[in-house]
Amino acid sequence: MSRDEQLKERWEFLVKKLSAQFSDGDPLELDGIVYLVGVQELGNFHRKFKKDEKVNLMHIAICRLLEPYGYYDFDFFDEDGWPHYTIKEQLPPLKAGEQSVLMKEALVNYFMEKEYIT
């Protein structure tokens, strides 16, 4: 099986599993899954977030997801428990499709690392 086919299968499985757990039957989209990673990384599961906090959660998730690729480094937790990252290397310019594949791969790797999927 090619790497692309394996990623596609794992991605579809991840979407199905997360959607069953966190959605009312509608498949979660990429942004929704990134948001879940942000909440997971913050570790504050049972509260409502304001709009600007939701944007920050997405940023946390993207930093965490791209950290293994060498783009970000974890720096510290602030007094409110929010993680902060520093940029190690700028992301190269990516087309929308390439960006989507990178994020899907990073998400699959993240959930495999967390042993949510195999």
PDB file of N, CA and C in Angstrom:
ATOM      1  N   MET A   1       0.860  -1.175   0.000  1.00  0.00           N
ATOM      2  CA  MET A   1       0.000   0.000   0.000  1.00  0.00           C
ATOM      3  C   MET A   1       0.904   1.235   0.000  1.00  0.00           C
ATOM      4  N   SER A   2       0.575   2.191  -0.850  1.00  0.00           N
ATOM      5  CA  SER A   2       1.380   3.411  -0.928  1.00  0.00           C
ATOM      6  C   SER A   2       1.156   4.289   0.295  1.00  0.00           C
ATOM      7  N   ARG A   3       2.101   5.176   0.524  1.00  0.00           N
ATOM      8  CA  ARG A   3       2.023   6.094   1.670  1.00  0.00           C
ATOM      9  C   ARG A   3       0.756   6.941   1.589  1.00  0.00           C
ATOM     10  N   ASP A   4       0.400   7.395   0.386  1.00  0.00           N
ATOM     11  CA  ASP A   4      -0.800   8.211   0.197  1.00  0.00           C
ATOM     12  C   ASP A   4      -2.069   7.426   0.519  1.00  0.00           C
ATOM     13  N   GLU A   5      -2.128   6.172   0.088  1.00  0.00           N
ATOM     14  CA  GLU A   5      -3.295   5.338   0.372  1.00  0.00           C
ATOM     15  C   GLU A   5      -3.421   5.064   1.863  1.00  0.00           C
ATOM     16  N   GLN A   6      -2.275   4.823   2.512  1.00  0.00           N
ATOM     17  CA  GLN A   6      -2.281   4.563   3.953  1.00  0.00           C
ATOM     18  C   GLN A   6      -2.754   5.804   4.712  1.00  0.00           C
ATOM     19  N   LEU A   7      -2.269   6.974   4.314  1.00  0.00           N
ATOM     20  CA  LEU A   7      -2.705   8.219   4.950  1.00  0.00           C
ATOM     21  C   LEU A   7      -4.205   8.409   4.747  1.00  0.00           C
ATOM     22  N   LYS A   8      -4.688   8.161   3.542  1.00  0.00           N
ATOM     23  CA  LYS A   8      -6.116   8.319   3.246  1.00  0.00           C
ATOM     24  C   LYS A   8      -6.958   7.400   4.128  1.00  0.00           C
ATOM     25  N   GLU A   9      -6.548   6.151   4.264  1.00  0.00           N
ATOM     26  CA  GLU A   9      -7.291   5.191   5.097  1.00  0.00           C
ATOM     27  C   GLU A   9      -7.284   5.613   6.566  1.00  0.00           C
ATOM     28  N   ARG A  10      -6.115   5.995   7.047  1.00  0.00           N
ATOM     29  CA  ARG A  10      -6.006   6.405   8.449  1.00  0.00           C
ATOM     30  C   ARG A  10      -6.803   7.682   8.709  1.00  0.00           C
ATOM     31  N   TRP A  11      -6.748   8.612   7.749  1.00  0.00           N
ATOM     32  CA  TRP A  11      -7.499   9.863   7.899  1.00  0.00           C
ATOM     33  C   TRP A  11      -8.997   9.581   7.972  1.00  0.00           C
ATOM     34  N   GLU A  12      -9.495   8.755   7.072  1.00  0.00           N
ATOM     35  CA  GLU A  12     -10.922   8.429   7.050  1.00  0.00           C
ATOM     36  C   GLU A  12     -11.345   7.727   8.349  1.00  0.00           C
ATOM     37  N   PHE A  13     -10.493   6.837   8.844  1.00  0.00           N
ATOM     38  CA  PHE A  13     -10.777   6.153  10.104  1.00  0.00           C
ATOM     39  C   PHE A  13     -10.809   7.154  11.258  1.00  0.00           C
ATOM     40  N   LEU A  14      -9.838   8.070  11.285  1.00  0.00           N
ATOM     41  CA  LEU A  14      -9.767   9.078  12.342  1.00  0.00           C
ATOM     42  C   LEU A  14     -11.010   9.968  12.322  1.00  0.00           C
ATOM     43  N   VAL A  15     -11.398  10.440  11.148  1.00  0.00           N
ATOM     44  CA  VAL A  15     -12.586  11.295  11.027  1.00  0.00           C
ATOM     45  C   VAL A  15     -13.821  10.551  11.519  1.00  0.00           C
ATOM     46  N   LYS A  16     -13.950   9.300  11.118  1.00  0.00           N
ATOM     47  CA  LYS A  16     -15.109   8.498  11.518  1.00  0.00           C
ATOM     48  C   LYS A  16     -15.150   8.319  13.039  1.00  0.00           C
ATOM     49  N   LYS A  17     -14.005   7.989  13.639  1.00  0.00           N
ATOM     50  CA  LYS A  17     -13.945   7.746  15.074  1.00  0.00           C
ATOM     51  C   LYS A  17     -14.199   9.029  15.869  1.00  0.00           C
ATOM     52  N   LEU A  18     -13.559  10.123  15.483  1.00  0.00           N
ATOM     53  CA  LEU A  18     -13.769  11.393  16.185  1.00  0.00           C
ATOM     54  C   LEU A  18     -15.191  11.905  15.994  1.00  0.00           C
ATOM     55  N   SER A  19     -15.728  11.746  14.805  1.00  0.00           N
ATOM     56  CA  SER A  19     -17.097  12.199  14.528  1.00  0.00           C
ATOM     57  C   SER A  19     -18.096  11.442  15.375  1.00  0.00           C
ATOM     58  N   ALA A  20     -17.871  10.145  15.534  1.00  0.00           N
ATOM     59  CA  ALA A  20     -18.774   9.337  16.365  1.00  0.00           C
ATOM     60  C   ALA A  20     -18.713   9.788  17.822  1.00  0.00           C
ATOM     61  N   GLN A  21     -17.560  10.226  18.268  1.00  0.00           N
ATOM     62  CA  GLN A  21     -17.383  10.607  19.667  1.00  0.00           C
ATOM     63  C   GLN A  21     -17.794  12.057  19.945  1.00  0.00           C
ATOM     64  N   PHE A  22     -17.565  12.966  18.977  1.00  0.00           N
ATOM     65  CA  PHE A  22     -17.736  14.391  19.255  1.00  0.00           C
ATOM     66  C   PHE A  22     -18.769  15.104  18.394  1.00  0.00           C
ATOM     67  N   SER A  23     -19.388  14.417  17.475  1.00  0.00           N
ATOM     68  CA  SER A  23     -20.315  15.068  16.553  1.00  0.00           C
ATOM     69  C   SER A  23     -21.649  14.338  16.584  1.00  0.00           C
ATOM     70  N   ASP A  24     -22.673  15.000  16.123  1.00  0.00           N
ATOM     71  CA  ASP A  24     -24.006  14.393  16.082  1.00  0.00           C
ATOM     72  C   ASP A  24     -24.239  13.654  14.768  1.00  0.00           C
ATOM     73  N   GLY A  25     -23.253  12.886  14.368  1.00  0.00           N
ATOM     74  CA  GLY A  25     -23.393  12.112  13.149  1.00  0.00           C
ATOM     75  C   GLY A  25     -22.798  12.780  11.927  1.00  0.00           C
ATOM     76  N   ASP A  26     -22.614  14.088  11.964  1.00  0.00           N
ATOM     77  CA  ASP A  26     -21.987  14.772  10.834  1.00  0.00           C
ATOM     78  C   ASP A  26     -20.477  14.582  10.915  1.00  0.00           C
ATOM     79  N   PRO A  27     -19.829  14.271   9.787  1.00  0.00           N
ATOM     80  CA  PRO A  27     -18.378  14.096   9.831  1.00  0.00           C
ATOM     81  C   PRO A  27     -17.682  15.417  10.194  1.00  0.00           C
ATOM     82  N   LEU A  28     -16.729  15.326  11.104  1.00  0.00           N
ATOM     83  CA  LEU A  28     -15.949  16.504  11.463  1.00  0.00           C
ATOM     84  C   LEU A  28     -15.044  16.898  10.295  1.00  0.00           C
ATOM     85  N   GLU A  29     -14.844  18.177  10.150  1.00  0.00           N
ATOM     86  CA  GLU A  29     -13.943  18.665   9.114  1.00  0.00           C
ATOM     87  C   GLU A  29     -12.570  18.911   9.720  1.00  0.00           C
ATOM     88  N   LEU A  30     -11.611  19.154   8.874  1.00  0.00           N
ATOM     89  CA  LEU A  30     -10.227  19.367   9.288  1.00  0.00           C
ATOM     90  C   LEU A  30     -10.120  20.409  10.403  1.00  0.00           C
ATOM     91  N   ASP A  31     -10.755  21.566  10.235  1.00  0.00           N
ATOM     92  CA  ASP A  31     -10.679  22.627  11.241  1.00  0.00           C
ATOM     93  C   ASP A  31     -11.246  22.179  12.584  1.00  0.00           C
ATOM     94  N   GLY A  32     -12.308  21.404  12.555  1.00  0.00           N
ATOM     95  CA  GLY A  32     -12.898  20.908  13.791  1.00  0.00           C
ATOM     96  C   GLY A  32     -11.956  19.974  14.530  1.00  0.00           C
ATOM     97  N   ILE A  33     -11.230  19.166  13.794  1.00  0.00           N
ATOM     98  CA  ILE A  33     -10.286  18.237  14.408  1.00  0.00           C
ATOM     99  C   ILE A  33      -9.084  19.000  14.955  1.00  0.00           C
ATOM    100  N   VAL A  34      -8.642  20.016  14.222  1.00  0.00           N
ATOM    101  CA  VAL A  34      -7.555  20.865  14.724  1.00  0.00           C
ATOM    102  C   VAL A  34      -7.991  21.525  16.033  1.00  0.00           C
ATOM    103  N   TYR A  35      -9.215  22.011  16.080  1.00  0.00           N
ATOM    104  CA  TYR A  35      -9.762  22.626  17.294  1.00  0.00           C
ATOM    105  C   TYR A  35      -9.734  21.633  18.463  1.00  0.00           C
ATOM    106  N   LEU A  36     -10.125  20.382  18.223  1.00  0.00           N
ATOM    107  CA  LEU A  36     -10.106  19.362  19.274  1.00  0.00           C
ATOM    108  C   LEU A  36      -8.694  19.154  19.815  1.00  0.00           C
ATOM    109  N   VAL A  37      -7.701  19.186  18.933  1.00  0.00           N
ATOM    110  CA  VAL A  37      -6.313  19.050  19.377  1.00  0.00           C
ATOM    111  C   VAL A  37      -5.941  20.226  20.277  1.00  0.00           C
ATOM    112  N   GLY A  38      -6.373  21.436  19.915  1.00  0.00           N
ATOM    113  CA  GLY A  38      -6.103  22.605  20.741  1.00  0.00           C
ATOM    114  C   GLY A  38      -6.686  22.455  22.137  1.00  0.00           C
ATOM    115  N   VAL A  39      -7.920  21.985  22.210  1.00  0.00           N
ATOM    116  CA  VAL A  39      -8.561  21.766  23.507  1.00  0.00           C
ATOM    117  C   VAL A  39      -7.803  20.688  24.280  1.00  0.00           C
ATOM    118  N   GLN A  40      -7.431  19.620  23.595  1.00  0.00           N
ATOM    119  CA  GLN A  40      -6.661  18.534  24.219  1.00  0.00           C
ATOM    120  C   GLN A  40      -5.345  19.065  24.779  1.00  0.00           C
ATOM    121  N   GLU A  41      -4.646  19.863  24.012  1.00  0.00           N
ATOM    122  CA  GLU A  41      -3.349  20.380  24.446  1.00  0.00           C
ATOM    123  C   GLU A  41      -3.487  21.370  25.597  1.00  0.00           C
ATOM    124  N   LEU A  42      -4.556  22.138  25.615  1.00  0.00           N
ATOM    125  CA  LEU A  42      -4.791  23.057  26.724  1.00  0.00           C
ATOM    126  C   LEU A  42      -5.180  22.281  27.972  1.00  0.00           C
ATOM    127  N   GLY A  43      -5.950  21.193  27.761  1.00  0.00           N
ATOM    128  CA  GLY A  43      -6.349  20.352  28.875  1.00  0.00           C
ATOM    129  C   GLY A  43      -7.500  20.906  29.687  1.00  0.00           C
ATOM    130  N   ASN A  44      -8.231  21.830  29.119  1.00  0.00           N
ATOM    131  CA  ASN A  44      -9.359  22.447  29.816  1.00  0.00           C
ATOM    132  C   ASN A  44     -10.623  22.062  29.046  1.00  0.00           C
ATOM    133  N   PHE A  45     -11.167  20.890  29.349  1.00  0.00           N
ATOM    134  CA  PHE A  45     -12.192  20.280  28.503  1.00  0.00           C
ATOM    135  C   PHE A  45     -13.615  20.771  28.737  1.00  0.00           C
ATOM    136  N   HIS A  46     -13.919  21.235  29.918  1.00  0.00           N
ATOM    137  CA  HIS A  46     -15.318  21.485  30.265  1.00  0.00           C
ATOM    138  C   HIS A  46     -15.621  22.962  30.453  1.00  0.00           C
ATOM    139  N   ARG A  47     -15.254  23.755  29.495  1.00  0.00           N
ATOM    140  CA  ARG A  47     -15.604  25.164  29.582  1.00  0.00           C
ATOM    141  C   ARG A  47     -15.909  25.693  28.191  1.00  0.00           C
ATOM    142  N   LYS A  48     -16.646  26.758  28.150  1.00  0.00           N
ATOM    143  CA  LYS A  48     -16.957  27.436  26.884  1.00  0.00           C
ATOM    144  C   LYS A  48     -15.820  28.402  26.588  1.00  0.00           C
ATOM    145  N   PHE A  49     -15.446  28.467  25.322  1.00  0.00           N
ATOM    146  CA  PHE A  49     -14.375  29.368  24.910  1.00  0.00           C
ATOM    147  C   PHE A  49     -14.942  30.538  24.127  1.00  0.00           C
ATOM    148  N   LYS A  50     -14.372  31.703  24.350  1.00  0.00           N
ATOM    149  CA  LYS A  50     -14.738  32.885  23.582  1.00  0.00           C
ATOM    150  C   LYS A  50     -14.119  32.768  22.199  1.00  0.00           C
ATOM    151  N   LYS A  51     -14.591  33.619  21.284  1.00  0.00           N
ATOM    152  CA  LYS A  51     -14.130  33.556  19.896  1.00  0.00           C
ATOM    153  C   LYS A  51     -12.608  33.687  19.795  1.00  0.00           C
ATOM    154  N   ASP A  52     -12.025  34.656  20.507  1.00  0.00           N
ATOM    155  CA  ASP A  52     -10.573  34.839  20.415  1.00  0.00           C
ATOM    156  C   ASP A  52      -9.826  33.655  21.035  1.00  0.00           C
ATOM    157  N   GLU A  53     -10.413  33.037  22.048  1.00  0.00           N
ATOM    158  CA  GLU A  53      -9.796  31.855  22.640  1.00  0.00           C
ATOM    159  C   GLU A  53      -9.833  30.675  21.664  1.00  0.00           C
ATOM    160  N   LYS A  54     -10.896  30.584  20.885  1.00  0.00           N
ATOM    161  CA  LYS A  54     -10.992  29.511  19.887  1.00  0.00           C
ATOM    162  C   LYS A  54      -9.901  29.663  18.834  1.00  0.00           C
ATOM    163  N   VAL A  55      -9.637  30.902  18.433  1.00  0.00           N
ATOM    164  CA  VAL A  55      -8.552  31.161  17.479  1.00  0.00           C
ATOM    165  C   VAL A  55      -7.217  30.747  18.104  1.00  0.00           C
ATOM    166  N   ASN A  56      -7.027  31.080  19.379  1.00  0.00           N
ATOM    167  CA  ASN A  56      -5.799  30.700  20.081  1.00  0.00           C
ATOM    168  C   ASN A  56      -5.670  29.190  20.209  1.00  0.00           C
ATOM    169  N   LEU A  57      -6.787  28.497  20.418  1.00  0.00           N
ATOM    170  CA  LEU A  57      -6.757  27.032  20.480  1.00  0.00           C
ATOM    171  C   LEU A  57      -6.310  26.439  19.149  1.00  0.00           C
ATOM    172  N   MET A  58      -6.791  27.015  18.067  1.00  0.00           N
ATOM    173  CA  MET A  58      -6.379  26.545  16.732  1.00  0.00           C
ATOM    174  C   MET A  58      -4.866  26.768  16.551  1.00  0.00           C
ATOM    175  N   HIS A  59      -4.380  27.908  17.016  1.00  0.00           N
ATOM    176  CA  HIS A  59      -2.952  28.216  16.904  1.00  0.00           C
ATOM    177  C   HIS A  59      -2.118  27.227  17.719  1.00  0.00           C
ATOM    178  N   ILE A  60      -2.561  26.953  18.943  1.00  0.00           N
ATOM    179  CA  ILE A  60      -1.872  25.970  19.789  1.00  0.00           C
ATOM    180  C   ILE A  60      -1.790  24.632  19.059  1.00  0.00           C
ATOM    181  N   ALA A  61      -2.907  24.212  18.498  1.00  0.00           N
ATOM    182  CA  ALA A  61      -2.960  22.921  17.815  1.00  0.00           C
ATOM    183  C   ALA A  61      -2.001  22.889  16.630  1.00  0.00           C
ATOM    184  N   ILE A  62      -2.013  23.931  15.825  1.00  0.00           N
ATOM    185  CA  ILE A  62      -1.144  23.957  14.643  1.00  0.00           C
ATOM    186  C   ILE A  62       0.327  23.912  15.071  1.00  0.00           C
ATOM    187  N   CYS A  63       0.667  24.686  16.097  1.00  0.00           N
ATOM    188  CA  CYS A  63       2.046  24.653  16.598  1.00  0.00           C
ATOM    189  C   CYS A  63       2.414  23.253  17.075  1.00  0.00           C
ATOM    190  N   ARG A  64       1.529  22.646  17.848  1.00  0.00           N
ATOM    191  CA  ARG A  64       1.804  21.306  18.385  1.00  0.00           C
ATOM    192  C   ARG A  64       1.898  20.269  17.267  1.00  0.00           C
ATOM    193  N   LEU A  65       1.017  20.375  16.298  1.00  0.00           N
ATOM    194  CA  LEU A  65       1.004  19.410  15.205  1.00  0.00           C
ATOM    195  C   LEU A  65       2.238  19.527  14.314  1.00  0.00           C
ATOM    196  N   LEU A  66       2.731  20.740  14.142  1.00  0.00           N
ATOM    197  CA  LEU A  66       3.883  20.947  13.255  1.00  0.00           C
ATOM    198  C   LEU A  66       5.216  20.938  13.999  1.00  0.00           C
ATOM    199  N   GLU A  67       5.163  20.817  15.314  1.00  0.00           N
ATOM    200  CA  GLU A  67       6.396  20.737  16.112  1.00  0.00           C
ATOM    201  C   GLU A  67       7.288  19.571  15.679  1.00  0.00           C
ATOM    202  N   PRO A  68       6.750  18.353  15.479  1.00  0.00           N
ATOM    203  CA  PRO A  68       7.614  17.237  15.060  1.00  0.00           C
ATOM    204  C   PRO A  68       8.263  17.440  13.683  1.00  0.00           C
ATOM    205  N   TYR A  69       7.718  18.349  12.893  1.00  0.00           N
ATOM    206  CA  TYR A  69       8.266  18.627  11.564  1.00  0.00           C
ATOM    207  C   TYR A  69       9.364  19.693  11.621  1.00  0.00           C
ATOM    208  N   GLY A  70       9.621  20.216  12.820  1.00  0.00           N
ATOM    209  CA  GLY A  70      10.691  21.186  12.984  1.00  0.00           C
ATOM    210  C   GLY A  70      10.312  22.636  12.763  1.00  0.00           C
ATOM    211  N   TYR A  71       9.017  22.926  12.678  1.00  0.00           N
ATOM    212  CA  TYR A  71       8.581  24.304  12.422  1.00  0.00           C
ATOM    213  C   TYR A  71       8.380  25.104  13.711  1.00  0.00           C
ATOM    214  N   TYR A  72       8.042  24.422  14.806  1.00  0.00           N
ATOM    215  CA  TYR A  72       7.789  25.094  16.077  1.00  0.00           C
ATOM    216  C   TYR A  72       8.487  24.341  17.197  1.00  0.00           C
ATOM    217  N   ASP A  73       8.752  25.056  18.272  1.00  0.00           N
ATOM    218  CA  ASP A  73       9.306  24.480  19.489  1.00  0.00           C
ATOM    219  C   ASP A  73       8.454  24.929  20.665  1.00  0.00           C
ATOM    220  N   PHE A  74       8.100  23.993  21.532  1.00  0.00           N
ATOM    221  CA  PHE A  74       7.379  24.378  22.740  1.00  0.00           C
ATOM    222  C   PHE A  74       8.285  25.274  23.561  1.00  0.00           C
ATOM    223  N   ASP A  75       7.720  26.360  24.113  1.00  0.00           N
ATOM    224  CA  ASP A  75       8.504  27.313  24.891  1.00  0.00           C
ATOM    225  C   ASP A  75       8.140  27.248  26.375  1.00  0.00           C
ATOM    226  N   PHE A  76       6.864  27.524  26.713  1.00  0.00           N
ATOM    227  CA  PHE A  76       6.467  27.543  28.118  1.00  0.00           C
ATOM    228  C   PHE A  76       4.955  27.567  28.236  1.00  0.00           C
ATOM    229  N   PHE A  77       4.474  27.322  29.445  1.00  0.00           N
ATOM    230  CA  PHE A  77       3.069  27.516  29.786  1.00  0.00           C
ATOM    231  C   PHE A  77       2.969  28.844  30.521  1.00  0.00           C
ATOM    232  N   ASP A  78       1.987  29.661  30.148  1.00  0.00           N
ATOM    233  CA  ASP A  78       1.811  30.929  30.853  1.00  0.00           C
ATOM    234  C   ASP A  78       1.060  30.698  32.161  1.00  0.00           C
ATOM    235  N   GLU A  79       0.818  31.779  32.907  1.00  0.00           N
ATOM    236  CA  GLU A  79       0.196  31.667  34.231  1.00  0.00           C
ATOM    237  C   GLU A  79      -1.235  31.113  34.173  1.00  0.00           C
ATOM    238  N   ASP A  80      -1.869  31.182  32.991  1.00  0.00           N
ATOM    239  CA  ASP A  80      -3.217  30.632  32.829  1.00  0.00           C
ATOM    240  C   ASP A  80      -3.203  29.206  32.289  1.00  0.00           C
ATOM    241  N   GLY A  81      -2.005  28.651  32.093  1.00  0.00           N
ATOM    242  CA  GLY A  81      -1.884  27.276  31.615  1.00  0.00           C
ATOM    243  C   GLY A  81      -1.878  27.110  30.112  1.00  0.00           C
ATOM    244  N   TRP A  82      -1.827  28.226  29.365  1.00  0.00           N
ATOM    245  CA  TRP A  82      -1.819  28.146  27.906  1.00  0.00           C
ATOM    246  C   TRP A  82      -0.385  27.903  27.427  1.00  0.00           C
ATOM    247  N   PRO A  83      -0.197  26.897  26.550  1.00  0.00           N
ATOM    248  CA  PRO A  83       1.143  26.641  26.012  1.00  0.00           C
ATOM    249  C   PRO A  83       1.540  27.709  24.984  1.00  0.00           C
ATOM    250  N   HIS A  84       2.822  28.007  24.950  1.00  0.00           N
ATOM    251  CA  HIS A  84       3.369  28.957  23.980  1.00  0.00           C
ATOM    252  C   HIS A  84       4.504  28.282  23.221  1.00  0.00           C
ATOM    253  N   TYR A  85       4.578  28.595  21.947  1.00  0.00           N
ATOM    254  CA  TYR A  85       5.576  28.011  21.061  1.00  0.00           C
ATOM    255  C   TYR A  85       6.374  29.119  20.389  1.00  0.00           C
ATOM    256  N   THR A  86       7.586  28.777  19.973  1.00  0.00           N
ATOM    257  CA  THR A  86       8.384  29.702  19.170  1.00  0.00           C
ATOM    258  C   THR A  86       8.550  29.094  17.784  1.00  0.00           C
ATOM    259  N   ILE A  87       8.644  29.962  16.810  1.00  0.00           N
ATOM    260  CA  ILE A  87       8.843  29.512  15.433  1.00  0.00           C
ATOM    261  C   ILE A  87      10.316  29.164  15.256  1.00  0.00           C
ATOM    262  N   LYS A  88      10.584  27.946  14.795  1.00  0.00           N
ATOM    263  CA  LYS A  88      11.956  27.522  14.501  1.00  0.00           C
ATOM    264  C   LYS A  88      12.288  27.778  13.037  1.00  0.00           C
ATOM    265  N   GLU A  89      11.303  27.496  12.198  1.00  0.00           N
ATOM    266  CA  GLU A  89      11.507  27.625  10.757  1.00  0.00           C
ATOM    267  C   GLU A  89      10.174  28.005  10.132  1.00  0.00           C
ATOM    268  N   GLN A  90      10.212  28.959   9.218  1.00  0.00           N
ATOM    269  CA  GLN A  90       8.994  29.362   8.521  1.00  0.00           C
ATOM    270  C   GLN A  90       8.502  28.214   7.636  1.00  0.00           C
ATOM    271  N   LEU A  91       7.200  28.050   7.613  1.00  0.00           N
ATOM    272  CA  LEU A  91       6.619  27.065   6.691  1.00  0.00           C
ATOM    273  C   LEU A  91       6.888  27.493   5.260  1.00  0.00           C
ATOM    274  N   PRO A  92       7.226  26.556   4.399  1.00  0.00           N
ATOM    275  CA  PRO A  92       7.393  26.934   2.993  1.00  0.00           C
ATOM    276  C   PRO A  92       6.039  27.274   2.391  1.00  0.00           C
ATOM    277  N   PRO A  93       6.029  28.057   1.330  1.00  0.00           N
ATOM    278  CA  PRO A  93       4.741  28.338   0.676  1.00  0.00           C
ATOM    279  C   PRO A  93       4.142  27.035   0.143  1.00  0.00           C
ATOM    280  N   LEU A  94       2.925  26.766   0.557  1.00  0.00           N
ATOM    281  CA  LEU A  94       2.243  25.542   0.140  1.00  0.00           C
ATOM    282  C   LEU A  94       0.932  25.890  -0.546  1.00  0.00           C
ATOM    283  N   LYS A  95       0.608  25.116  -1.556  1.00  0.00           N
ATOM    284  CA  LYS A  95      -0.712  25.245  -2.180  1.00  0.00           C
ATOM    285  C   LYS A  95      -1.742  24.686  -1.204  1.00  0.00           C
ATOM    286  N   ALA A  96      -2.992  25.051  -1.398  1.00  0.00           N
ATOM    287  CA  ALA A  96      -4.058  24.624  -0.480  1.00  0.00           C
ATOM    288  C   ALA A  96      -4.083  23.109  -0.312  1.00  0.00           C
ATOM    289  N   GLY A  97      -3.968  22.382  -1.381  1.00  0.00           N
ATOM    290  CA  GLY A  97      -3.993  20.915  -1.321  1.00  0.00           C
ATOM    291  C   GLY A  97      -2.807  20.356  -0.549  1.00  0.00           C
ATOM    292  N   GLU A  98      -1.625  20.952  -0.744  1.00  0.00           N
ATOM    293  CA  GLU A  98      -0.431  20.508  -0.030  1.00  0.00           C
ATOM    294  C   GLU A  98      -0.559  20.795   1.469  1.00  0.00           C
ATOM    295  N   GLN A  99      -1.135  21.952   1.777  1.00  0.00           N
ATOM    296  CA  GLN A  99      -1.345  22.335   3.171  1.00  0.00           C
ATOM    297  C   GLN A  99      -2.293  21.345   3.849  1.00  0.00           C
ATOM    298  N   SER A 100      -3.348  20.981   3.151  1.00  0.00           N
ATOM    299  CA  SER A 100      -4.329  20.042   3.672  1.00  0.00           C
ATOM    300  C   SER A 100      -3.692  18.675   3.929  1.00  0.00           C
ATOM    301  N   VAL A 101      -2.883  18.204   3.005  1.00  0.00           N
ATOM    302  CA  VAL A 101      -2.221  16.903   3.173  1.00  0.00           C
ATOM    303  C   VAL A 101      -1.261  16.943   4.357  1.00  0.00           C
ATOM    304  N   LEU A 102      -0.502  18.026   4.496  1.00  0.00           N
ATOM    305  CA  LEU A 102       0.413  18.162   5.624  1.00  0.00           C
ATOM    306  C   LEU A 102      -0.341  18.114   6.947  1.00  0.00           C
ATOM    307  N   MET A 103      -1.442  18.836   7.042  1.00  0.00           N
ATOM    308  CA  MET A 103      -2.215  18.865   8.280  1.00  0.00           C
ATOM    309  C   MET A 103      -2.860  17.507   8.561  1.00  0.00           C
ATOM    310  N   LYS A 104      -3.375  16.848   7.543  1.00  0.00           N
ATOM    311  CA  LYS A 104      -3.964  15.518   7.743  1.00  0.00           C
ATOM    312  C   LYS A 104      -2.905  14.530   8.232  1.00  0.00           C
ATOM    313  N   GLU A 105      -1.721  14.593   7.626  1.00  0.00           N
ATOM    314  CA  GLU A 105      -0.631  13.715   8.045  1.00  0.00           C
ATOM    315  C   GLU A 105      -0.233  14.019   9.493  1.00  0.00           C
ATOM    316  N   ALA A 106      -0.120  15.298   9.826  1.00  0.00           N
ATOM    317  CA  ALA A 106       0.247  15.695  11.184  1.00  0.00           C
ATOM    318  C   ALA A 106      -0.816  15.253  12.195  1.00  0.00           C
ATOM    319  N   LEU A 107      -2.085  15.377  11.830  1.00  0.00           N
ATOM    320  CA  LEU A 107      -3.171  14.950  12.720  1.00  0.00           C
ATOM    321  C   LEU A 107      -3.162  13.440  12.917  1.00  0.00           C
ATOM    322  N   VAL A 108      -2.998  12.700  11.843  1.00  0.00           N
ATOM    323  CA  VAL A 108      -2.935  11.233  11.953  1.00  0.00           C
ATOM    324  C   VAL A 108      -1.767  10.847  12.856  1.00  0.00           C
ATOM    325  N   ASN A 109      -0.611  11.460  12.657  1.00  0.00           N
ATOM    326  CA  ASN A 109       0.557  11.151  13.483  1.00  0.00           C
ATOM    327  C   ASN A 109       0.302  11.500  14.947  1.00  0.00           C
ATOM    328  N   TYR A 110      -0.341  12.629  15.188  1.00  0.00           N
ATOM    329  CA  TYR A 110      -0.654  13.060  16.546  1.00  0.00           C
ATOM    330  C   TYR A 110      -1.546  12.030  17.244  1.00  0.00           C
ATOM    331  N   PHE A 111      -2.612  11.609  16.579  1.00  0.00           N
ATOM    332  CA  PHE A 111      -3.540  10.669  17.203  1.00  0.00           C
ATOM    333  C   PHE A 111      -2.958   9.260  17.297  1.00  0.00           C
ATOM    334  N   MET A 112      -2.021   8.930  16.438  1.00  0.00           N
ATOM    335  CA  MET A 112      -1.300   7.651  16.584  1.00  0.00           C
ATOM    336  C   MET A 112      -0.370   7.741  17.795  1.00  0.00           C
ATOM    337  N   GLU A 113       0.312   8.871  17.950  1.00  0.00           N
ATOM    338  CA  GLU A 113       1.194   9.079  19.107  1.00  0.00           C
ATOM    339  C   GLU A 113       0.401   8.990  20.413  1.00  0.00           C
ATOM    340  N   LYS A 114      -0.818   9.513  20.407  1.00  0.00           N
ATOM    341  CA  LYS A 114      -1.677   9.473  21.586  1.00  0.00           C
ATOM    342  C   LYS A 114      -2.370   8.123  21.751  1.00  0.00           C
ATOM    343  N   GLU A 115      -2.129   7.199  20.798  1.00  0.00           N
ATOM    344  CA  GLU A 115      -2.707   5.853  20.775  1.00  0.00           C
ATOM    345  C   GLU A 115      -4.228   5.860  20.690  1.00  0.00           C
ATOM    346  N   TYR A 116      -4.750   6.892  20.039  1.00  0.00           N
ATOM    347  CA  TYR A 116      -6.195   6.964  19.783  1.00  0.00           C
ATOM    348  C   TYR A 116      -6.533   6.118  18.561  1.00  0.00           C
ATOM    349  N   ILE A 117      -5.596   6.083  17.617  1.00  0.00           N
ATOM    350  CA  ILE A 117      -5.710   5.208  16.446  1.00  0.00           C
ATOM    351  C   ILE A 117      -4.380   4.464  16.264  1.00  0.00           C
ATOM    352  N   THR A 118      -4.419   3.414  15.462  1.00  0.00           N
ATOM    353  CA  THR A 118      -3.179   2.653  15.201  1.00  0.00           C
ATOM    354  C   THR A 118      -2.818   2.700  13.741  1.00  0.00           C
TER     355      THR A 118
END
